[in-house]
C-alpha cells in the first residue's frame, strides 16, 4: 500500500513538473485557409439538364 502512495506521489510530482513546459501562443500571422472549390461541373450539369428539358418540351422547334 505504501508503494502505491509513493508511486502516485511521484506521478503527480512529475506531471506538475512537466506542466510548466507547455507553452501555447497565437501565431503572429493570420491563418489562411484556401478553399478552391470547383463549381463549374455543377453549373454545366444544370445547364445541360435545363437544355435537355427545353428540347423535350419544344421538340417541334428543334
N, C-alpha and C. Protein backbone atom coordinates (compact mmCIF):
# COMPACT_ATOMS: atom_id res chain seq x y z
N UNK A 1 0.82 -1.18 0.00
CA UNK A 1 0.00 0.00 0.00
C UNK A 1 0.87 1.25 0.00
N UNK A 2 1.95 1.24 0.72
CA UNK A 2 2.85 2.38 0.77
C UNK A 2 3.49 2.64 -0.58
N UNK A 3 3.77 1.57 -1.32
CA UNK A 3 4.37 1.73 -2.66
C UNK A 3 3.41 2.45 -3.59
N UNK A 4 2.14 2.14 -3.49
CA UNK A 4 1.15 2.81 -4.34
C UNK A 4 1.10 4.31 -4.04
N UNK A 5 1.15 4.65 -2.81
CA UNK A 5 1.12 6.06 -2.42
C UNK A 5 2.38 6.77 -2.92
N UNK A 6 3.53 6.11 -2.80
CA UNK A 6 4.79 6.69 -3.27
C UNK A 6 4.77 6.86 -4.78
N UNK A 7 4.28 5.83 -5.49
CA UNK A 7 4.21 5.91 -6.96
C UNK A 7 3.24 6.99 -7.39
N UNK A 8 2.11 7.09 -6.72
CA UNK A 8 1.14 8.14 -7.05
C UNK A 8 1.74 9.52 -6.81
N UNK A 9 2.46 9.67 -5.72
CA UNK A 9 3.11 10.94 -5.42
C UNK A 9 4.16 11.30 -6.46
N UNK A 10 4.93 10.31 -6.88
CA UNK A 10 5.93 10.55 -7.93
C UNK A 10 5.27 10.93 -9.25
N UNK A 11 4.18 10.27 -9.58
CA UNK A 11 3.48 10.58 -10.83
C UNK A 11 2.93 12.00 -10.80
N UNK A 12 2.34 12.38 -9.68
CA UNK A 12 1.77 13.73 -9.56
C UNK A 12 2.88 14.77 -9.62
N UNK A 13 3.99 14.53 -8.97
CA UNK A 13 5.09 15.50 -8.99
C UNK A 13 5.69 15.60 -10.39
N UNK A 14 5.78 14.49 -11.11
CA UNK A 14 6.29 14.53 -12.49
C UNK A 14 5.35 15.32 -13.39
N UNK A 15 4.06 15.07 -13.24
CA UNK A 15 3.09 15.77 -14.07
C UNK A 15 3.07 17.26 -13.76
N UNK A 16 3.19 17.62 -12.51
CA UNK A 16 3.23 19.04 -12.15
C UNK A 16 4.51 19.69 -12.67
N UNK A 17 5.59 18.95 -12.67
CA UNK A 17 6.86 19.48 -13.18
C UNK A 17 6.82 19.69 -14.68
N UNK A 18 6.12 18.83 -15.39
CA UNK A 18 6.02 18.96 -16.84
C UNK A 18 4.99 20.00 -17.25
N UNK A 19 4.10 20.36 -16.37
CA UNK A 19 3.06 21.31 -16.70
C UNK A 19 3.60 22.67 -17.10
N UNK A 20 4.71 23.09 -16.59
CA UNK A 20 5.29 24.38 -16.94
C UNK A 20 6.01 24.39 -18.27
N UNK A 21 6.25 23.24 -18.87
CA UNK A 21 7.00 23.16 -20.12
C UNK A 21 6.14 23.44 -21.34
N UNK A 22 4.84 23.38 -21.19
CA UNK A 22 3.95 23.57 -22.34
C UNK A 22 3.65 25.05 -22.49
N UNK A 23 3.89 25.57 -23.71
CA UNK A 23 3.66 26.98 -23.98
C UNK A 23 2.76 27.08 -25.21
N UNK A 24 1.63 27.74 -25.08
CA UNK A 24 0.70 27.92 -26.19
C UNK A 24 0.66 29.39 -26.53
N UNK A 25 0.95 29.71 -27.79
CA UNK A 25 0.94 31.11 -28.23
C UNK A 25 0.26 31.21 -29.59
N UNK A 26 -0.44 32.30 -29.81
CA UNK A 26 -1.10 32.53 -31.08
C UNK A 26 -0.05 32.93 -32.12
N UNK A 27 -0.22 32.52 -33.37
CA UNK A 27 0.73 32.91 -34.41
C UNK A 27 0.64 34.40 -34.70
N UNK A 28 1.75 34.97 -35.14
CA UNK A 28 1.76 36.40 -35.44
C UNK A 28 1.02 36.71 -36.73
N UNK A 29 1.11 35.81 -37.72
CA UNK A 29 0.41 36.00 -38.99
C UNK A 29 -0.94 35.31 -38.92
N UNK A 30 -1.93 35.84 -39.62
CA UNK A 30 -3.25 35.19 -39.60
C UNK A 30 -3.21 33.84 -40.31
N UNK A 31 -4.06 32.96 -39.88
CA UNK A 31 -4.16 31.64 -40.51
C UNK A 31 -5.01 31.79 -41.76
N UNK A 32 -4.49 31.33 -42.89
CA UNK A 32 -5.20 31.44 -44.17
C UNK A 32 -5.62 30.04 -44.60
N UNK A 33 -6.90 29.90 -44.85
CA UNK A 33 -7.43 28.63 -45.35
C UNK A 33 -7.94 28.89 -46.76
N UNK A 34 -7.33 28.25 -47.74
CA UNK A 34 -7.73 28.43 -49.12
C UNK A 34 -8.69 27.32 -49.51
N UNK A 35 -9.86 27.73 -49.92
CA UNK A 35 -10.86 26.77 -50.37
C UNK A 35 -11.07 26.96 -51.87
N UNK A 36 -10.39 26.15 -52.64
CA UNK A 36 -10.56 26.19 -54.08
C UNK A 36 -11.65 25.20 -54.46
N UNK A 37 -12.85 25.71 -54.63
CA UNK A 37 -13.98 24.87 -54.92
C UNK A 37 -14.34 25.03 -56.39
N UNK A 38 -14.45 23.93 -57.07
CA UNK A 38 -14.79 23.96 -58.49
C UNK A 38 -16.29 23.72 -58.63
N UNK A 39 -17.03 24.78 -58.96
CA UNK A 39 -18.47 24.64 -59.12
C UNK A 39 -18.85 24.58 -60.60
N UNK A 40 -17.90 24.59 -61.46
CA UNK A 40 -18.17 24.60 -62.91
C UNK A 40 -18.92 23.36 -63.34
N UNK A 41 -18.56 22.20 -62.83
CA UNK A 41 -19.19 20.96 -63.22
C UNK A 41 -20.67 20.97 -62.86
N UNK A 42 -21.01 21.48 -61.70
CA UNK A 42 -22.41 21.52 -61.28
C UNK A 42 -23.21 22.47 -62.16
N UNK A 43 -22.63 23.62 -62.49
CA UNK A 43 -23.33 24.60 -63.32
C UNK A 43 -23.54 24.02 -64.72
N UNK A 44 -22.53 23.38 -65.29
CA UNK A 44 -22.68 22.77 -66.61
C UNK A 44 -23.73 21.68 -66.59
N UNK A 45 -23.77 20.89 -65.54
CA UNK A 45 -24.76 19.83 -65.43
C UNK A 45 -26.17 20.41 -65.38
N UNK A 46 -26.36 21.46 -64.61
CA UNK A 46 -27.68 22.09 -64.52
C UNK A 46 -28.08 22.69 -65.85
N UNK A 47 -27.13 23.33 -66.55
CA UNK A 47 -27.43 23.89 -67.86
C UNK A 47 -27.78 22.79 -68.85
N UNK A 48 -27.05 21.69 -68.81
CA UNK A 48 -27.32 20.58 -69.73
C UNK A 48 -28.69 19.99 -69.44
N UNK A 49 -29.06 19.85 -68.18
CA UNK A 49 -30.36 19.31 -67.82
C UNK A 49 -31.47 20.27 -68.27
N UNK A 50 -31.27 21.56 -68.07
CA UNK A 50 -32.25 22.56 -68.47
C UNK A 50 -32.41 22.56 -69.99
N UNK A 51 -31.29 22.48 -70.70
CA UNK A 51 -31.35 22.45 -72.16
C UNK A 51 -32.07 21.19 -72.64
N UNK A 52 -31.82 20.09 -72.01
CA UNK A 52 -32.49 18.84 -72.38
C UNK A 52 -33.99 18.95 -72.16
N UNK A 53 -34.39 19.54 -71.05
CA UNK A 53 -35.82 19.73 -70.77
C UNK A 53 -36.45 20.67 -71.80
N UNK A 54 -35.75 21.72 -72.17
CA UNK A 54 -36.25 22.67 -73.16
C UNK A 54 -36.42 21.99 -74.51
N UNK A 55 -35.48 21.17 -74.90
CA UNK A 55 -35.58 20.45 -76.18
C UNK A 55 -36.75 19.48 -76.16
N UNK A 56 -36.92 18.77 -75.03
CA UNK A 56 -38.03 17.81 -74.91
C UNK A 56 -39.38 18.52 -74.96
N UNK A 57 -39.47 19.68 -74.34
CA UNK A 57 -40.73 20.42 -74.32
C UNK A 57 -41.05 21.06 -75.67
N UNK A 58 -40.01 21.38 -76.43
CA UNK A 58 -40.21 22.06 -77.73
C UNK A 58 -39.60 21.22 -78.85
N UNK A 59 -40.01 19.98 -78.94
CA UNK A 59 -39.43 19.07 -79.94
C UNK A 59 -39.72 19.53 -81.35
N UNK A 60 -40.83 20.22 -81.57
CA UNK A 60 -41.19 20.67 -82.92
C UNK A 60 -40.27 21.80 -83.43
N UNK A 61 -39.66 22.54 -82.51
CA UNK A 61 -38.77 23.63 -82.91
C UNK A 61 -37.42 23.10 -83.34
N UNK A 62 -36.93 22.06 -82.62
CA UNK A 62 -35.58 21.58 -82.87
C UNK A 62 -35.60 20.48 -83.87
